[in-house]
C-alpha cells in the first residue's frame, strides 16, 4: 500500500478524512485519545566543566563533555559511557538549545546510542529552570532493548543535589491514549 496515499486517506474507502483536522462537534469516539506517559528510566549524567567555543551567528556555543553516570528503570539499567558530549547553544532569547550525543551500556552489555535534543531556560541562568524538556531518540541492536527503537520519548532535565557537574534526566515513553 502506498504510504502517502494512506496518509492522505486515499488508500481505502471511508478513510478520505482520516488525516483531515476534526471539526468542532466531532464525536469524541472518533478522535484519538491524548497520549500518555510511561516512566522509562532516570539517569544521572556526569559532566566535565563546560568548554566554551565562542559566539557564532546562531548564538554562543558551549560543549559539556559527558564523563559517565548511571541509569535505571523498570525495563533496563546500566551505565553512561564516557566520551559523549552535550553541545549547547545559548540563543539571543536566553533559551539554551541542548543536543547531547552519547552511549549508554545496559547491564547485559547492550550498547545504546542516545541522541537527546531539548530546550532549557531559567530567568536567572541557573537552577531552577522554568523550562527543561528533551526528546531523546535511541538506537539499539535488535534484542531485549529494541523497544527503545520503536517509541517516542520525552525527558526532563534537573540538577543533582550537591553536584554542579551532573544532571538528572528522567525519560518517559509516549504511548497512544
C-alpha atoms as a PDB file:
ATOM      1  CA  UNK A   1       0.000   0.000   0.000  1.00  0.00           C
ATOM      2  CA  UNK A   2       1.295   3.474  -0.885  1.00  0.00           C
ATOM      3  CA  UNK A   3       2.214   5.152   2.424  1.00  0.00           C
ATOM      4  CA  UNK A   4       1.482   8.629   1.125  1.00  0.00           C
ATOM      5  CA  UNK A   5      -1.943   7.561  -0.156  1.00  0.00           C
ATOM      6  CA  UNK A   6      -2.699   6.017   3.204  1.00  0.00           C
ATOM      7  CA  UNK A   7      -1.689   9.213   5.000  1.00  0.00           C
ATOM      8  CA  UNK A   8      -3.828  11.265   2.627  1.00  0.00           C
ATOM      9  CA  UNK A   9      -6.793   8.947   3.226  1.00  0.00           C
ATOM     10  CA  UNK A  10      -6.946   7.715  -0.352  1.00  0.00           C
ATOM     11  CA  UNK A  11      -5.874   4.089   0.045  1.00  0.00           C
ATOM     12  CA  UNK A  12      -9.113   2.673   1.443  1.00  0.00           C
ATOM     13  CA  UNK A  13     -12.732   3.712   1.034  1.00  0.00           C
ATOM     14  CA  UNK A  14     -14.024   5.549   4.093  1.00  0.00           C
ATOM     15  CA  UNK A  15     -10.607   6.971   5.023  1.00  0.00           C
ATOM     16  CA  UNK A  16     -10.882  10.144   2.980  1.00  0.00           C
ATOM     17  CA  UNK A  17     -10.989  12.277   6.122  1.00  0.00           C
ATOM     18  CA  UNK A  18      -8.593  10.232   8.261  1.00  0.00           C
ATOM     19  CA  UNK A  19      -5.850  12.857   8.150  1.00  0.00           C
ATOM     20  CA  UNK A  20      -8.070  15.924   7.986  1.00  0.00           C
ATOM     21  CA  UNK A  21      -8.473  18.173  11.006  1.00  0.00           C
ATOM     22  CA  UNK A  22     -11.578  17.345  13.001  1.00  0.00           C
ATOM     23  CA  UNK A  23     -14.288  19.994  13.019  1.00  0.00           C
ATOM     24  CA  UNK A  24     -15.783  21.237  16.247  1.00  0.00           C
ATOM     25  CA  UNK A  25     -18.561  18.929  17.334  1.00  0.00           C
ATOM     26  CA  UNK A  26     -16.901  15.755  16.040  1.00  0.00           C
ATOM     27  CA  UNK A  27     -17.922  12.879  18.304  1.00  0.00           C
ATOM     28  CA  UNK A  28     -15.251  12.146  20.891  1.00  0.00           C
ATOM     29  CA  UNK A  29     -15.314   8.453  19.959  1.00  0.00           C
ATOM     30  CA  UNK A  30     -13.761   9.333  16.592  1.00  0.00           C
ATOM     31  CA  UNK A  31     -10.945  11.486  17.998  1.00  0.00           C
ATOM     32  CA  UNK A  32      -7.691   9.877  19.120  1.00  0.00           C
ATOM     33  CA  UNK A  33      -7.112   9.955  22.849  1.00  0.00           C
ATOM     34  CA  UNK A  34      -4.448  12.182  24.358  1.00  0.00           C
ATOM     35  CA  UNK A  35      -1.064  10.470  24.576  1.00  0.00           C
ATOM     36  CA  UNK A  36       0.005   9.176  27.977  1.00  0.00           C
ATOM     37  CA  UNK A  37       3.441   8.919  29.533  1.00  0.00           C
ATOM     38  CA  UNK A  38       5.107   5.841  30.999  1.00  0.00           C
ATOM     39  CA  UNK A  39       8.296   6.109  33.066  1.00  0.00           C
ATOM     40  CA  UNK A  40      11.234   4.581  31.161  1.00  0.00           C
ATOM     41  CA  UNK A  41      14.310   5.408  33.269  1.00  0.00           C
ATOM     42  CA  UNK A  42      16.150   8.019  35.274  1.00  0.00           C
ATOM     43  CA  UNK A  43      19.796   8.850  34.612  1.00  0.00           C
ATOM     44  CA  UNK A  44      22.451  10.729  36.498  1.00  0.00           C
ATOM     45  CA  UNK A  45      24.813  12.054  33.832  1.00  0.00           C
ATOM     46  CA  UNK A  46      28.248  13.209  34.989  1.00  0.00           C
ATOM     47  CA  UNK A  47      29.866  16.125  33.161  1.00  0.00           C
ATOM     48  CA  UNK A  48      33.273  17.785  32.875  1.00  0.00           C
ATOM     49  CA  UNK A  49      33.433  21.588  33.065  1.00  0.00           C
ATOM     50  CA  UNK A  50      31.981  23.371  30.039  1.00  0.00           C
ATOM     51  CA  UNK A  51      34.266  24.076  27.091  1.00  0.00           C
ATOM     52  CA  UNK A  52      33.496  27.451  25.521  1.00  0.00           C
ATOM     53  CA  UNK A  53      33.534  27.544  21.728  1.00  0.00           C
ATOM     54  CA  UNK A  54      32.503  31.187  21.406  1.00  0.00           C
ATOM     55  CA  UNK A  55      29.922  33.293  19.650  1.00  0.00           C
ATOM     56  CA  UNK A  56      28.548  32.092  16.346  1.00  0.00           C
ATOM     57  CA  UNK A  57      25.867  33.558  14.069  1.00  0.00           C
ATOM     58  CA  UNK A  58      23.356  31.308  15.878  1.00  0.00           C
ATOM     59  CA  UNK A  59      24.393  32.174  19.454  1.00  0.00           C
ATOM     60  CA  UNK A  60      27.074  31.232  21.978  1.00  0.00           C
ATOM     61  CA  UNK A  61      28.287  27.643  21.585  1.00  0.00           C
ATOM     62  CA  UNK A  62      29.419  25.519  24.551  1.00  0.00           C
ATOM     63  CA  UNK A  63      30.267  21.838  24.876  1.00  0.00           C
ATOM     64  CA  UNK A  64      29.666  19.876  28.069  1.00  0.00           C
ATOM     65  CA  UNK A  65      31.753  16.666  27.904  1.00  0.00           C
ATOM     66  CA  UNK A  66      29.971  13.606  29.308  1.00  0.00           C
ATOM     67  CA  UNK A  67      32.244  11.658  31.663  1.00  0.00           C
ATOM     68  CA  UNK A  68      29.969   8.845  32.876  1.00  0.00           C
ATOM     69  CA  UNK A  69      26.965   8.140  35.057  1.00  0.00           C
ATOM     70  CA  UNK A  70      24.246   5.580  35.669  1.00  0.00           C
ATOM     71  CA  UNK A  71      20.641   4.949  34.657  1.00  0.00           C
ATOM     72  CA  UNK A  72      17.856   2.700  35.901  1.00  0.00           C
ATOM     73  CA  UNK A  73      14.232   1.985  35.109  1.00  0.00           C
ATOM     74  CA  UNK A  74      11.770  -0.896  35.219  1.00  0.00           C
ATOM     75  CA  UNK A  75      12.985  -2.432  31.923  1.00  0.00           C
ATOM     76  CA  UNK A  76      16.685  -1.531  31.836  1.00  0.00           C
ATOM     77  CA  UNK A  77      19.609  -0.219  33.852  1.00  0.00           C
ATOM     78  CA  UNK A  78      23.299   0.373  33.315  1.00  0.00           C
ATOM     79  CA  UNK A  79      26.000   2.978  32.911  1.00  0.00           C
ATOM     80  CA  UNK A  80      26.664   6.087  30.834  1.00  0.00           C
ATOM     81  CA  UNK A  81      29.763   5.632  28.663  1.00  0.00           C
ATOM     82  CA  UNK A  82      32.376   8.418  28.987  1.00  0.00           C
ATOM     83  CA  UNK A  83      33.172  10.271  25.775  1.00  0.00           C
ATOM     84  CA  UNK A  84      29.914  11.801  24.628  1.00  0.00           C
ATOM     85  CA  UNK A  85      29.022  15.482  24.782  1.00  0.00           C
ATOM     86  CA  UNK A  86      26.137  17.882  25.110  1.00  0.00           C
ATOM     87  CA  UNK A  87      26.544  20.610  22.511  1.00  0.00           C
ATOM     88  CA  UNK A  88      24.749  23.672  23.861  1.00  0.00           C
ATOM     89  CA  UNK A  89      23.750  26.834  22.047  1.00  0.00           C
ATOM     90  CA  UNK A  90      22.670  29.886  24.038  1.00  0.00           C
ATOM     91  CA  UNK A  91      20.237  31.767  21.817  1.00  0.00           C
ATOM     92  CA  UNK A  92      19.578  35.515  21.873  1.00  0.00           C
ATOM     93  CA  UNK A  93      16.233  34.885  23.611  1.00  0.00           C
ATOM     94  CA  UNK A  94      18.004  33.282  26.601  1.00  0.00           C
ATOM     95  CA  UNK A  95      16.994  29.697  25.765  1.00  0.00           C
ATOM     96  CA  UNK A  96      19.688  27.047  25.737  1.00  0.00           C
ATOM     97  CA  UNK A  97      19.379  24.505  22.917  1.00  0.00           C
ATOM     98  CA  UNK A  98      20.664  21.127  24.093  1.00  0.00           C
ATOM     99  CA  UNK A  99      21.919  18.424  21.760  1.00  0.00           C
ATOM    100  CA  UNK A 100      23.601  15.518  23.508  1.00  0.00           C
ATOM    101  CA  UNK A 101      25.063  12.510  21.722  1.00  0.00           C
ATOM    102  CA  UNK A 102      26.433   9.644  23.802  1.00  0.00           C
ATOM    103  CA  UNK A 103      26.231   5.933  24.584  1.00  0.00           C
ATOM    104  CA  UNK A 104      24.811   4.004  27.492  1.00  0.00           C
ATOM    105  CA  UNK A 105      25.595   0.361  28.238  1.00  0.00           C
ATOM    106  CA  UNK A 106      22.779  -1.770  29.638  1.00  0.00           C
ATOM    107  CA  UNK A 107      23.604  -4.166  32.488  1.00  0.00           C
ATOM    108  CA  UNK A 108      23.542  -7.066  29.977  1.00  0.00           C
ATOM    109  CA  UNK A 109      26.252  -5.348  27.887  1.00  0.00           C
ATOM    110  CA  UNK A 110      23.968  -3.949  25.164  1.00  0.00           C
ATOM    111  CA  UNK A 111      25.224  -0.600  23.800  1.00  0.00           C
ATOM    112  CA  UNK A 112      22.511   2.053  23.414  1.00  0.00           C
ATOM    113  CA  UNK A 113      23.116   5.229  21.407  1.00  0.00           C
ATOM    114  CA  UNK A 114      21.318   8.310  22.736  1.00  0.00           C
ATOM    115  CA  UNK A 115      20.675  11.480  20.719  1.00  0.00           C
ATOM    116  CA  UNK A 116      18.858  13.855  23.034  1.00  0.00           C
ATOM    117  CA  UNK A 117      17.660  17.285  21.881  1.00  0.00           C
ATOM    118  CA  UNK A 118      15.944  19.806  24.071  1.00  0.00           C
ATOM    119  CA  UNK A 119      15.430  23.312  25.386  1.00  0.00           C
ATOM    120  CA  UNK A 120      16.436  24.718  28.762  1.00  0.00           C
ATOM    121  CA  UNK A 121      15.623  28.121  30.195  1.00  0.00           C
ATOM    122  CA  UNK A 122      15.940  29.867  33.524  1.00  0.00           C
ATOM    123  CA  UNK A 123      15.310  33.562  34.165  1.00  0.00           C
ATOM    124  CA  UNK A 124      18.449  33.591  36.346  1.00  0.00           C
ATOM    125  CA  UNK A 125      20.592  31.390  34.071  1.00  0.00           C
ATOM    126  CA  UNK A 126      20.834  28.783  36.835  1.00  0.00           C
ATOM    127  CA  UNK A 127      18.616  26.233  38.557  1.00  0.00           C
ATOM    128  CA  UNK A 128      15.718  26.055  38.971  1.00  0.00           C
ATOM    129  CA  UNK A 129      14.814  26.128  35.303  1.00  0.00           C
ATOM    130  CA  UNK A 130      11.340  27.177  34.243  1.00  0.00           C
ATOM    131  CA  UNK A 131      11.609  25.020  31.096  1.00  0.00           C
ATOM    132  CA  UNK A 132      13.840  21.954  30.759  1.00  0.00           C
ATOM    133  CA  UNK A 133      12.491  19.327  28.356  1.00  0.00           C
ATOM    134  CA  UNK A 134      14.133  16.974  25.889  1.00  0.00           C
ATOM    135  CA  UNK A 135      13.199  14.482  23.181  1.00  0.00           C
ATOM    136  CA  UNK A 136      15.652  11.581  23.338  1.00  0.00           C
ATOM    137  CA  UNK A 137      15.969   9.158  20.427  1.00  0.00           C
ATOM    138  CA  UNK A 138      17.639   5.774  20.771  1.00  0.00           C
ATOM    139  CA  UNK A 139      19.457   3.367  18.500  1.00  0.00           C
ATOM    140  CA  UNK A 140      19.950  -0.132  19.831  1.00  0.00           C
ATOM    141  CA  UNK A 141      20.550  -3.562  18.291  1.00  0.00           C
ATOM    142  CA  UNK A 142      17.635  -5.930  17.910  1.00  0.00           C
ATOM    143  CA  UNK A 143      17.126  -7.806  21.140  1.00  0.00           C
ATOM    144  CA  UNK A 144      15.834  -7.196  24.653  1.00  0.00           C
ATOM    145  CA  UNK A 145      16.088  -3.387  24.483  1.00  0.00           C
ATOM    146  CA  UNK A 146      14.936  -2.757  20.913  1.00  0.00           C
ATOM    147  CA  UNK A 147      11.650  -1.353  22.247  1.00  0.00           C
ATOM    148  CA  UNK A 148      13.679   1.856  22.567  1.00  0.00           C
ATOM    149  CA  UNK A 149      13.804   1.996  18.732  1.00  0.00           C
ATOM    150  CA  UNK A 150      10.020   1.868  18.443  1.00  0.00           C
ATOM    151  CA  UNK A 151       8.782   4.563  20.843  1.00  0.00           C
ATOM    152  CA  UNK A 152       8.748   8.335  21.065  1.00  0.00           C
ATOM    153  CA  UNK A 153      10.245   9.678  24.294  1.00  0.00           C
ATOM    154  CA  UNK A 154      10.264  12.916  26.277  1.00  0.00           C
ATOM    155  CA  UNK A 155      12.522  13.793  29.155  1.00  0.00           C
ATOM    156  CA  UNK A 156      13.047  16.303  31.906  1.00  0.00           C
ATOM    157  CA  UNK A 157      16.398  17.753  32.956  1.00  0.00           C
ATOM    158  CA  UNK A 158      17.162  18.733  36.522  1.00  0.00           C
ATOM    159  CA  UNK A 159      20.054  19.360  38.875  1.00  0.00           C
ATOM    160  CA  UNK A 160      21.737  16.732  41.030  1.00  0.00           C
ATOM    161  CA  UNK A 161      21.869  17.898  44.649  1.00  0.00           C
ATOM    162  CA  UNK A 162      25.424  18.542  45.739  1.00  0.00           C
ATOM    163  CA  UNK A 163      26.981  18.030  42.285  1.00  0.00           C
ATOM    164  CA  UNK A 164      27.162  21.009  39.938  1.00  0.00           C
ATOM    165  CA  UNK A 165      28.823  18.788  37.300  1.00  0.00           C
ATOM    166  CA  UNK A 166      25.898  16.396  36.894  1.00  0.00           C
ATOM    167  CA  UNK A 167      22.325  16.463  35.634  1.00  0.00           C
ATOM    168  CA  UNK A 168      19.395  14.198  36.300  1.00  0.00           C
ATOM    169  CA  UNK A 169      17.444  13.159  33.200  1.00  0.00           C
ATOM    170  CA  UNK A 170      14.090  11.454  33.642  1.00  0.00           C
ATOM    171  CA  UNK A 171      12.785   9.799  30.467  1.00  0.00           C
ATOM    172  CA  UNK A 172       9.203   8.815  29.654  1.00  0.00           C
ATOM    173  CA  UNK A 173       7.845   6.773  26.760  1.00  0.00           C
ATOM    174  CA  UNK A 174       4.945   8.487  24.959  1.00  0.00           C
ATOM    175  CA  UNK A 175       2.160   5.965  24.383  1.00  0.00           C
ATOM    176  CA  UNK A 176      -1.099   6.252  22.436  1.00  0.00           C
ATOM    177  CA  UNK A 177      -4.104   7.321  24.511  1.00  0.00           C
END
